Protein backbone atom coordinates (compact mmCIF):
# COMPACT_ATOMS: atom_id res chain seq x y z
CA UNK A 1 -7.07 35.67 -8.34
CA UNK A 2 -6.59 32.05 -9.39
CA UNK A 3 -9.28 29.63 -8.32
CA UNK A 4 -7.97 27.13 -5.79
CA UNK A 5 -7.87 23.57 -7.12
CA UNK A 6 -10.18 21.08 -5.43
CA UNK A 7 -8.26 17.92 -4.61
CA UNK A 8 -10.28 14.73 -4.88
CA UNK A 9 -10.41 11.75 -2.55
CA UNK A 10 -8.77 9.61 -5.24
CA UNK A 11 -5.53 11.63 -5.17
CA UNK A 12 -2.80 9.63 -3.43
CA UNK A 13 -1.97 12.00 -0.59
CA UNK A 14 -5.61 12.99 -0.03
CA UNK A 15 -6.54 9.29 0.13
CA UNK A 16 -3.72 8.65 2.62
CA UNK A 17 -4.79 11.54 4.86
CA UNK A 18 -8.45 10.56 4.90
CA UNK A 19 -7.52 6.93 5.56
CA UNK A 20 -5.88 8.19 8.76
CA UNK A 21 -9.41 8.23 10.18
CA UNK A 22 -9.91 5.03 12.18
CA UNK A 23 -13.66 4.74 11.67
CA UNK A 24 -13.43 5.19 7.92
CA UNK A 25 -10.64 2.62 7.62
CA UNK A 26 -12.62 0.03 9.52
CA UNK A 27 -15.84 0.77 7.67
CA UNK A 28 -14.21 0.58 4.22
CA UNK A 29 -12.53 -2.76 4.93
CA UNK A 30 -15.71 -4.27 6.34
CA UNK A 31 -17.69 -3.16 3.30
CA UNK A 32 -15.12 -4.64 0.93
CA UNK A 33 -14.74 -7.84 3.00
CA UNK A 34 -18.18 -8.29 4.60
CA UNK A 35 -17.25 -11.45 6.51
CA UNK A 36 -14.44 -9.74 8.45
CA UNK A 37 -14.89 -7.64 11.56
CA UNK A 38 -11.99 -5.28 12.07
CA UNK A 39 -10.84 -4.38 15.55
CA UNK A 40 -10.60 -0.78 16.69
CA UNK A 41 -7.75 1.04 15.03
CA UNK A 42 -4.68 2.48 16.74
CA UNK A 43 -2.50 4.55 14.46
CA UNK A 44 1.27 4.20 14.56
CA UNK A 45 3.43 7.24 15.18
CA UNK A 46 3.67 9.48 12.13
CA UNK A 47 3.90 13.14 13.14
CA UNK A 48 3.39 14.49 9.61
CA UNK A 49 0.29 12.43 8.87
CA UNK A 50 -1.03 13.01 12.41
CA UNK A 51 -0.71 16.76 11.92
CA UNK A 52 -2.46 16.66 8.53
CA UNK A 53 -5.25 14.43 9.84
CA UNK A 54 -5.83 16.66 12.86
CA UNK A 55 -5.95 19.74 10.65
CA UNK A 56 -9.08 18.35 8.97
CA UNK A 57 -10.67 16.76 12.06
CA UNK A 58 -13.81 18.39 13.41
CA UNK A 59 -14.36 19.13 17.10
CA UNK A 60 -16.02 15.78 17.71
CA UNK A 61 -13.03 14.04 16.15
CA UNK A 62 -10.57 15.85 18.42
CA UNK A 63 -12.56 15.03 21.56
CA UNK A 64 -12.60 11.33 20.80
CA UNK A 65 -9.10 10.94 19.33
CA UNK A 66 -7.83 8.85 22.22
CA UNK A 67 -10.87 6.56 22.09
CA UNK A 68 -10.85 6.22 18.30
CA UNK A 69 -7.15 5.41 18.11
CA UNK A 70 -6.90 2.91 20.95
CA UNK A 71 -7.11 -0.86 20.66
CA UNK A 72 -5.20 -3.64 19.01
CA UNK A 73 -5.12 -2.50 15.45
CA UNK A 74 -2.44 -0.32 13.93
CA UNK A 75 -2.70 1.65 10.71
CA UNK A 76 0.01 3.34 8.72
CA UNK A 77 -0.45 5.59 5.73
CA UNK A 78 2.16 6.39 3.09
CA UNK A 79 4.29 3.63 4.63
CA UNK A 80 7.57 2.77 2.89
CA UNK A 81 9.07 -0.68 3.30
CA UNK A 82 12.47 -1.74 1.96
CA UNK A 83 12.38 -5.56 2.22
CA UNK A 84 16.09 -6.19 1.70
CA UNK A 85 19.25 -4.49 0.57
CA UNK A 86 19.13 -3.58 -3.14
CA UNK A 87 15.44 -4.57 -3.34
CA UNK A 88 12.77 -2.29 -4.79
CA UNK A 89 11.10 -0.26 -2.03
CA UNK A 90 7.33 -0.25 -1.60
CA UNK A 91 5.18 2.75 -0.67
CA UNK A 92 1.89 1.57 0.82
CA UNK A 93 -1.02 4.03 0.63
CA UNK A 94 -2.74 2.68 3.73
CA UNK A 95 -1.48 -0.28 5.75
CA UNK A 96 -3.40 -1.77 8.69
CA UNK A 97 -2.66 -4.68 10.98
CA UNK A 98 -4.51 -6.25 13.89
CA UNK A 99 -4.13 -9.50 15.80
CA UNK A 100 -5.83 -11.48 13.04
CA UNK A 101 -4.73 -10.03 9.68
CA UNK A 102 -3.08 -7.17 7.83
CA UNK A 103 -4.63 -5.03 5.09
CA UNK A 104 -3.07 -2.80 2.46
CA UNK A 105 -5.44 -0.49 0.55
CA UNK A 106 -4.13 1.24 -2.57
CA UNK A 107 -5.82 3.90 -4.70
CA UNK A 108 -4.93 3.39 -8.38
CA UNK A 109 -6.04 6.17 -10.72
CA UNK A 110 -3.97 5.48 -13.83
CA UNK A 111 -3.95 2.29 -15.89
CA UNK A 112 -1.29 -0.08 -14.60
CA UNK A 113 -0.57 -3.04 -16.92
CA UNK A 114 1.63 -4.71 -14.30
CA UNK A 115 -0.94 -4.45 -11.51
CA UNK A 116 -1.02 -8.23 -10.79
CA UNK A 117 2.76 -8.26 -10.41
CA UNK A 118 2.55 -5.27 -8.08
CA UNK A 119 0.11 -7.14 -5.84
CA UNK A 120 2.53 -10.08 -5.75
CA UNK A 121 5.41 -7.82 -4.75
CA UNK A 122 3.33 -6.02 -2.11
CA UNK A 123 2.37 -9.34 -0.54
CA UNK A 124 5.99 -10.45 -0.53
CA UNK A 125 7.30 -7.14 0.84
CA UNK A 126 4.91 -7.12 3.78
CA UNK A 127 5.31 -10.85 4.43
CA UNK A 128 9.11 -10.77 4.51
CA UNK A 129 9.02 -8.14 7.26
CA UNK A 130 6.44 -10.08 9.32
CA UNK A 131 8.68 -12.81 10.70
CA UNK A 132 11.79 -12.44 12.77
CA UNK A 133 14.69 -14.86 13.00
CA UNK A 134 13.45 -18.05 14.61
CA UNK A 135 9.74 -17.30 14.15
CA UNK A 136 7.49 -20.11 12.93
CA UNK A 137 5.55 -19.87 9.66
CA UNK A 138 2.25 -20.37 11.46
CA UNK A 139 2.75 -16.88 12.89
CA UNK A 140 2.12 -15.38 9.45
CA UNK A 141 -1.22 -13.58 9.44
CA UNK A 142 -3.66 -13.51 6.53
CA UNK A 143 -2.73 -10.64 4.25
CA UNK A 144 -5.09 -8.61 2.04
CA UNK A 145 -3.81 -6.38 -0.77
CA UNK A 146 -6.72 -4.27 -1.99
CA UNK A 147 -6.55 -2.01 -5.05
CA UNK A 148 -9.26 0.59 -5.67
CA UNK A 149 -8.96 1.12 -9.44
CA UNK A 150 -10.55 3.80 -11.59
CA UNK A 151 -10.48 1.32 -14.49
CA UNK A 152 -11.37 -2.31 -15.16
CA UNK A 153 -8.04 -4.12 -15.30
CA UNK A 154 -9.60 -7.40 -16.45
CA UNK A 155 -12.19 -5.82 -18.78
CA UNK A 156 -14.92 -8.22 -17.63
CA UNK A 157 -17.23 -5.60 -16.16
CA UNK A 158 -17.20 -6.96 -12.60
CA UNK A 159 -17.28 -4.61 -9.62
CA UNK A 160 -14.99 -6.67 -7.39
CA UNK A 161 -12.39 -9.31 -8.31
CA UNK A 162 -11.24 -11.59 -5.47
CA UNK A 163 -8.17 -13.83 -5.76
CA UNK A 164 -6.40 -16.47 -3.73
CA UNK A 165 -4.01 -19.25 -4.73
CA UNK A 166 -5.85 -22.37 -5.91
CA UNK A 167 -5.05 -25.83 -7.26
CA UNK A 168 -6.03 -25.59 -10.94
CA UNK A 169 -7.97 -28.84 -11.42
CA UNK A 170 -9.61 -29.30 -8.03
CA UNK A 171 -10.03 -25.60 -7.21
CA UNK A 172 -8.44 -26.46 -3.88
CA UNK A 173 -7.29 -23.41 -1.86
CA UNK A 174 -3.59 -23.44 -1.06
CA UNK A 175 -4.41 -21.72 2.25
CA UNK A 176 -1.27 -19.59 2.14
CA UNK A 177 -3.35 -16.78 3.66
CA UNK A 178 -2.69 -14.41 0.76
CA UNK A 179 -5.72 -12.60 -0.65
CA UNK A 180 -5.91 -9.98 -3.38
CA UNK A 181 -8.98 -7.86 -4.03
CA UNK A 182 -9.24 -5.49 -6.99
CA UNK A 183 -12.17 -3.09 -7.20
CA UNK A 184 -13.32 -1.79 -10.56
CA UNK A 185 -14.77 1.56 -9.53
CA UNK A 186 -15.91 2.23 -13.11
CA UNK A 187 -18.18 -0.80 -13.43
CA UNK A 188 -21.87 -0.71 -14.33
CA UNK A 189 -24.10 0.37 -11.44
CA UNK A 190 -26.01 -2.90 -11.73
CA UNK A 191 -22.86 -4.82 -10.76
CA UNK A 192 -22.00 -2.86 -7.60
CA UNK A 193 -22.57 -4.74 -4.30
CA UNK A 194 -25.14 -2.96 -2.14
CA UNK A 195 -22.67 -2.22 0.67
CA UNK A 196 -20.32 -0.49 -1.77
CA UNK A 197 -22.91 1.33 -3.87
CA UNK A 198 -22.62 4.70 -2.10
CA UNK A 199 -18.82 4.49 -2.09
CA UNK A 200 -18.67 3.88 -5.85
CA UNK A 201 -21.16 6.70 -6.36
CA UNK A 202 -19.06 9.13 -4.36
CA UNK A 203 -15.75 8.19 -6.01
CA UNK A 204 -17.21 8.51 -9.52
CA UNK A 205 -19.55 11.48 -9.13
CA UNK A 206 -18.65 13.19 -5.84
CA UNK A 207 -22.17 12.49 -4.58
CA UNK A 208 -22.11 11.32 -0.95
CA UNK A 209 -25.85 10.66 -0.90
CA UNK A 210 -27.47 9.91 2.45
CA UNK A 211 -24.88 7.33 3.58
CA UNK A 212 -23.11 8.53 6.74
CA UNK A 213 -19.94 6.69 5.62
CA UNK A 214 -19.56 8.54 2.30
CA UNK A 215 -20.82 11.75 3.88
CA UNK A 216 -17.96 11.55 6.37
CA UNK A 217 -15.45 10.95 3.58
CA UNK A 218 -16.76 13.98 1.69
CA UNK A 219 -16.70 16.15 4.82
CA UNK A 220 -13.07 15.24 5.47
CA UNK A 221 -12.09 15.85 1.84
CA UNK A 222 -13.87 19.21 1.91
CA UNK A 223 -12.09 20.20 5.13
CA UNK A 224 -8.78 19.04 3.68
CA UNK A 225 -9.31 21.34 0.71
CA UNK A 226 -9.85 24.23 3.13
CA UNK A 227 -6.77 23.37 5.21
CA UNK A 228 -3.71 25.45 4.39
CA UNK A 229 -1.46 22.78 5.91
CA UNK A 230 -2.93 20.05 3.71
CA UNK A 231 -2.91 22.28 0.63
CA UNK A 232 0.77 23.08 1.17
CA UNK A 233 1.65 19.43 1.66
CA UNK A 234 -0.28 18.37 -1.46
CA UNK A 235 1.46 21.12 -3.42
CA UNK A 236 4.87 19.93 -2.23
CA UNK A 237 3.92 16.30 -2.94
CA UNK A 238 2.68 17.24 -6.41
CA UNK A 239 5.92 19.08 -7.18
CA UNK A 240 7.91 16.09 -5.96
CA UNK A 241 5.77 13.68 -7.99
CA UNK A 242 6.27 15.85 -11.10
CA UNK A 243 10.03 15.96 -10.60
CA UNK A 244 10.15 12.22 -9.84
CA UNK A 245 8.12 11.43 -12.95
CA UNK A 246 10.30 13.72 -15.08
CA UNK A 247 13.53 12.19 -13.75
CA UNK A 248 12.19 8.67 -14.24
CA UNK A 249 11.33 9.53 -17.84
CA UNK A 250 14.82 10.95 -18.38
CA UNK A 251 16.36 7.83 -16.82
CA UNK A 252 14.24 5.61 -19.08
CA UNK A 253 15.37 7.66 -22.09
CA UNK A 254 19.02 7.30 -21.09
CA UNK A 255 18.57 3.58 -20.50
CA UNK A 256 17.00 3.24 -23.94
CA UNK A 257 19.90 5.17 -25.47
CA UNK A 258 22.34 2.96 -23.57
CA UNK A 259 20.63 -0.17 -24.91
CA UNK A 260 20.78 1.29 -28.42
CA UNK A 261 24.46 2.10 -28.06
CA UNK A 262 25.17 -1.35 -26.65
CA UNK A 263 23.34 -2.90 -29.60
CA UNK A 264 25.29 -0.68 -31.99
CA UNK A 265 28.50 -1.64 -30.17
CA UNK A 266 27.69 -5.33 -30.63
CA UNK A 267 26.94 -4.71 -34.31
CA UNK A 268 30.18 -2.74 -34.76
CA UNK A 269 32.18 -5.44 -32.97
CA UNK A 270 30.62 -8.06 -35.23
CA UNK A 271 31.46 -5.91 -38.28
CA UNK A 272 35.01 -5.45 -36.94
CA UNK A 273 35.45 -9.22 -36.59
CA UNK A 274 34.14 -9.72 -40.14
CA UNK A 275 36.50 -7.08 -41.53
CA UNK A 276 39.46 -8.55 -39.66
CA UNK A 277 38.66 -12.00 -41.08
CA UNK A 278 38.39 -10.52 -44.60
CA UNK A 279 41.69 -8.68 -44.14
CA UNK A 280 43.46 -11.87 -43.02
CA UNK A 281 42.03 -13.67 -46.02
CA UNK A 282 43.22 -10.92 -48.41
CA UNK A 283 46.65 -10.81 -46.76
CA UNK A 284 46.95 -14.56 -47.20
CA UNK A 285 45.91 -14.23 -50.85
CA UNK A 286 48.45 -11.43 -51.37
CA UNK A 287 51.20 -13.54 -49.81
CA UNK A 288 50.34 -16.44 -52.09
CA UNK A 289 50.31 -14.12 -55.12
CA UNK A 290 53.75 -12.75 -54.19
CA UNK A 291 55.13 -16.28 -53.84
CA UNK A 292 53.67 -17.28 -57.21
CA UNK A 293 55.21 -14.22 -58.91
CA UNK A 294 58.53 -14.86 -57.18
CA UNK A 295 58.49 -18.49 -58.36
CA UNK A 296 57.96 -17.41 -61.99
CA UNK A 297 60.71 -14.77 -61.71
CA UNK A 298 63.07 -17.36 -60.24
CA UNK A 299 62.29 -19.70 -63.14
CA UNK A 300 63.40 -16.89 -65.43
CA UNK A 301 66.73 -16.74 -63.55
CA UNK A 302 66.12 -13.26 -62.17
CA UNK A 303 68.53 -12.59 -59.29
CA UNK A 304 67.15 -13.18 -55.77
CA UNK A 305 68.02 -9.63 -54.71
CA UNK A 306 65.87 -8.20 -57.48
CA UNK A 307 62.99 -10.61 -56.72
CA UNK A 308 63.07 -9.59 -53.03
CA UNK A 309 63.11 -5.90 -53.95
CA UNK A 310 60.17 -6.29 -56.32
CA UNK A 311 57.96 -8.62 -54.23
CA UNK A 312 58.99 -7.49 -50.77
CA UNK A 313 59.60 -11.12 -49.76
CA UNK A 314 62.47 -12.06 -47.50
CA UNK A 315 65.41 -14.07 -48.80
CA UNK A 316 64.49 -17.01 -46.59
CA UNK A 317 61.06 -17.20 -48.22
CA UNK A 318 62.65 -17.15 -51.67
CA UNK A 319 65.02 -19.99 -50.79
CA UNK A 320 62.04 -22.31 -50.19
CA UNK A 321 60.69 -21.84 -53.68
């Protein structure tokens, strides 16, 4: 019998399911952004994610579901937003919004060279859906895009990188209410902020320690790995991700071939134009040579009919000589 694979917290769907827990969402945000207090979370309707989350909830969770999910704050996991027709869609891992701000938390396992541009697009995608026609700009809430990375994108060894738009010389904040936070979960232990130490430890080594926050994450991940419903969904998601990745690779290959063919087409068209110019030049030279031969034959009093037959020139052309 094959040993069942243990799915880690860092896997996209597992992360999304666990982030369906209101207390964990609030605790994680407040540890990453210590100066913010997040209101109680109310999850938006998502039957699939609700079913998966409930399948790994313990008895205490089920008894307090209504209390834990009430309040002002909404959270959505695996949320897809299409900002505008023909625009690139965005799949948010975990998206939260309360009266004061919105938060998007993304788990990034693989190296992503375009990560900064992704954060820009995520900000824009959420922002563009935040205002309706006639709304004022002051209604825009502060937005936080947070990436939990299993690599150091900036290679500076820091545990947490925090960004906001600044004036370059005066270091004056633009106050556009856009904030980006990128965690380097692979940093040196000496760099990890105290409030995040147990979280980094768990993500990297699977050791929840004696912190009730990471212990709860581990308990939920363990239960998820024992849930047939979650296992089936992860299996389906993995198959889809494999097919999607394969098709994307095939599309990229075809696009590369198309670019190559287009480049070859341009080269061939340039060669065709060169050959046509050379042919015109040779034809002109041939015509001049025929006229020169015809002139010499005419000087020798050879009949025009014979000159035309030999050179292929028309009588009218011969009369001009």
